[in-house]
C-alpha atoms as a PDB file:
ATOM      1  CA  MET A   1     -19.076  -1.045 -17.454  1.00  0.00           C
ATOM      2  CA  GLU A   2     -17.352   0.002 -14.254  1.00  0.00           C
ATOM      3  CA  LYS A   3     -13.801   1.295 -14.712  1.00  0.00           C
ATOM      4  CA  TYR A   4     -11.246   0.986 -11.955  1.00  0.00           C
ATOM      5  CA  THR A   5      -7.561   1.645 -11.535  1.00  0.00           C
ATOM      6  CA  TYR A   6      -5.503  -0.560  -9.241  1.00  0.00           C
ATOM      7  CA  PHE A   7      -2.775   0.754  -6.998  1.00  0.00           C
ATOM      8  CA  VAL A   8      -0.109  -0.560  -4.672  1.00  0.00           C
ATOM      9  CA  ILE A   9       0.228   1.785  -1.733  1.00  0.00           C
ATOM     10  CA  GLY A  10       3.154   1.850   0.662  1.00  0.00           C
ATOM     11  CA  GLU A  11       2.876   3.443   4.085  1.00  0.00           C
ATOM     12  CA  ARG A  12       5.339   3.978   6.926  1.00  0.00           C
ATOM     13  CA  SER A  13       4.539   4.329  10.610  1.00  0.00           C
ATOM     14  CA  LYS A  14       5.344   7.770  12.010  1.00  0.00           C
ATOM     15  CA  GLU A  15       5.972   6.153  15.401  1.00  0.00           C
ATOM     16  CA  ASN A  16       8.484   3.412  14.577  1.00  0.00           C
ATOM     17  CA  GLY A  17       9.331   3.739  10.867  1.00  0.00           C
ATOM     18  CA  ARG A  18       7.920   0.298   9.994  1.00  0.00           C
ATOM     19  CA  ASN A  19       6.295  -0.309   6.603  1.00  0.00           C
ATOM     20  CA  ILE A  20       3.257  -1.938   5.061  1.00  0.00           C
ATOM     21  CA  ALA A  21       1.998  -2.255   1.490  1.00  0.00           C
ATOM     22  CA  TYR A  22      -1.495  -3.023   0.252  1.00  0.00           C
ATOM     23  CA  ALA A  23      -3.482  -3.115  -2.964  1.00  0.00           C
ATOM     24  CA  GLN A  24      -6.376  -0.710  -3.452  1.00  0.00           C
ATOM     25  CA  ARG A  25      -9.002  -0.553  -6.196  1.00  0.00           C
ATOM     26  CA  ILE A  26     -10.292   2.945  -6.947  1.00  0.00           C
ATOM     27  CA  HIS A  27     -13.113   3.855  -9.317  1.00  0.00           C
ATOM     28  CA  ASN A  28     -11.858   6.093 -12.116  1.00  0.00           C
ATOM     29  CA  CYS A  29     -14.325   8.882 -11.295  1.00  0.00           C
ATOM     30  CA  ASN A  30     -12.825   9.340  -7.795  1.00  0.00           C
ATOM     31  CA  ASN A  31     -10.416  12.105  -6.890  1.00  0.00           C
ATOM     32  CA  LEU A  32      -7.189  10.313  -5.933  1.00  0.00           C
ATOM     33  CA  LEU A  33      -6.291  13.005  -3.412  1.00  0.00           C
ATOM     34  CA  TYR A  34      -9.278  11.932  -1.310  1.00  0.00           C
ATOM     35  CA  ALA A  35      -9.371   8.248  -2.237  1.00  0.00           C
ATOM     36  CA  ILE A  36      -5.778   7.555  -1.142  1.00  0.00           C
ATOM     37  CA  HIS A  37      -5.013   8.836   2.316  1.00  0.00           C
ATOM     38  CA  PRO A  38      -3.064   7.160   5.105  1.00  0.00           C
ATOM     39  CA  ARG A  39      -4.253   6.660   8.654  1.00  0.00           C
ATOM     40  CA  LYS A  40      -3.206   9.493  10.918  1.00  0.00           C
ATOM     41  CA  ASP A  41      -0.320   7.496  12.444  1.00  0.00           C
ATOM     42  CA  MET A  42       1.050   6.609   8.978  1.00  0.00           C
ATOM     43  CA  GLU A  43       2.617   8.490   6.069  1.00  0.00           C
ATOM     44  CA  LEU A  44       2.463   7.648   2.372  1.00  0.00           C
ATOM     45  CA  VAL A  45       5.788   6.572   0.896  1.00  0.00           C
ATOM     46  CA  SER A  46       4.708   5.195  -2.486  1.00  0.00           C
ATOM     47  CA  ILE A  47       1.739   4.877  -4.819  1.00  0.00           C
ATOM     48  CA  ASN A  48       2.125   2.749  -7.939  1.00  0.00           C
ATOM     49  CA  ALA A  49      -0.575   2.153 -10.570  1.00  0.00           C
ATOM     50  CA  CYS A  50      -1.045  -1.397 -11.867  1.00  0.00           C
ATOM     51  CA  ASP A  51      -2.854  -2.858 -14.872  1.00  0.00           C
ATOM     52  CA  THR A  52      -4.778  -5.501 -12.923  1.00  0.00           C
ATOM     53  CA  TRP A  53      -6.012  -6.216  -9.413  1.00  0.00           C
ATOM     54  CA  LYS A  54      -3.974  -9.411  -9.387  1.00  0.00           C
ATOM     55  CA  GLU A  55      -0.800  -7.514 -10.244  1.00  0.00           C
ATOM     56  CA  ALA A  56      -1.429  -4.974  -7.466  1.00  0.00           C
ATOM     57  CA  GLN A  57      -1.983  -7.752  -4.920  1.00  0.00           C
ATOM     58  CA  GLU A  58       1.152  -9.628  -6.016  1.00  0.00           C
ATOM     59  CA  ILE A  59       3.322  -6.535  -5.751  1.00  0.00           C
ATOM     60  CA  ALA A  60       1.922  -5.645  -2.315  1.00  0.00           C
ATOM     61  CA  ARG A  61       2.539  -9.222  -1.136  1.00  0.00           C
ATOM     62  CA  PHE A  62       6.117  -9.095  -2.465  1.00  0.00           C
ATOM     63  CA  TRP A  63       6.829  -5.748  -0.787  1.00  0.00           C
ATOM     64  CA  ASN A  64       5.482  -7.034   2.539  1.00  0.00           C
ATOM     65  CA  GLU A  65       7.656 -10.152   2.238  1.00  0.00           C
ATOM     66  CA  CYS A  66      10.680  -7.907   1.655  1.00  0.00           C
ATOM     67  CA  TYR A  67       9.750  -5.764   4.670  1.00  0.00           C
ATOM     68  CA  GLN A  68       9.500  -8.930   6.769  1.00  0.00           C
ATOM     69  CA  LYS A  69      12.902 -10.157   5.576  1.00  0.00           C
ATOM     70  CA  ASN A  70      14.648  -6.876   6.365  1.00  0.00           C
ATOM     71  CA  GLY A  71      12.844  -6.427   9.703  1.00  0.00           C
ATOM     72  CA  THR A  72      10.845  -3.322   8.786  1.00  0.00           C
ATOM     73  CA  TYR A  73       7.377  -4.861   8.407  1.00  0.00           C
ATOM     74  CA  LEU A  74       4.710  -3.039  10.434  1.00  0.00           C
ATOM     75  CA  PHE A  75       3.408  -6.208  12.078  1.00  0.00           C
ATOM     76  CA  GLN A  76       6.788  -7.887  12.553  1.00  0.00           C
ATOM     77  CA  LYS A  77       6.732 -10.462  15.336  1.00  0.00           C
ATOM     78  CA  GLY A  78       8.795  -9.355  18.285  1.00  0.00           C
ATOM     79  CA  ALA A  79       8.593  -5.707  17.256  1.00  0.00           C
END
């Protein structure tokens, strides 16, 4: 049976300080240092482990909603 760990990852843009969160599923045999790395224009700000894929997706969705409400979402309209 395949074993995975689920994470919520938060990143911030180096250019404008805006945020984004997403869920990521990583096989347990992977080295996390190489499996979790931001794009070169982004920096990691948080990594949280979750018990299920659904939980990771819900948390990422909630964080992105909060970023949208406070105007710091990476893909904010009018940004």
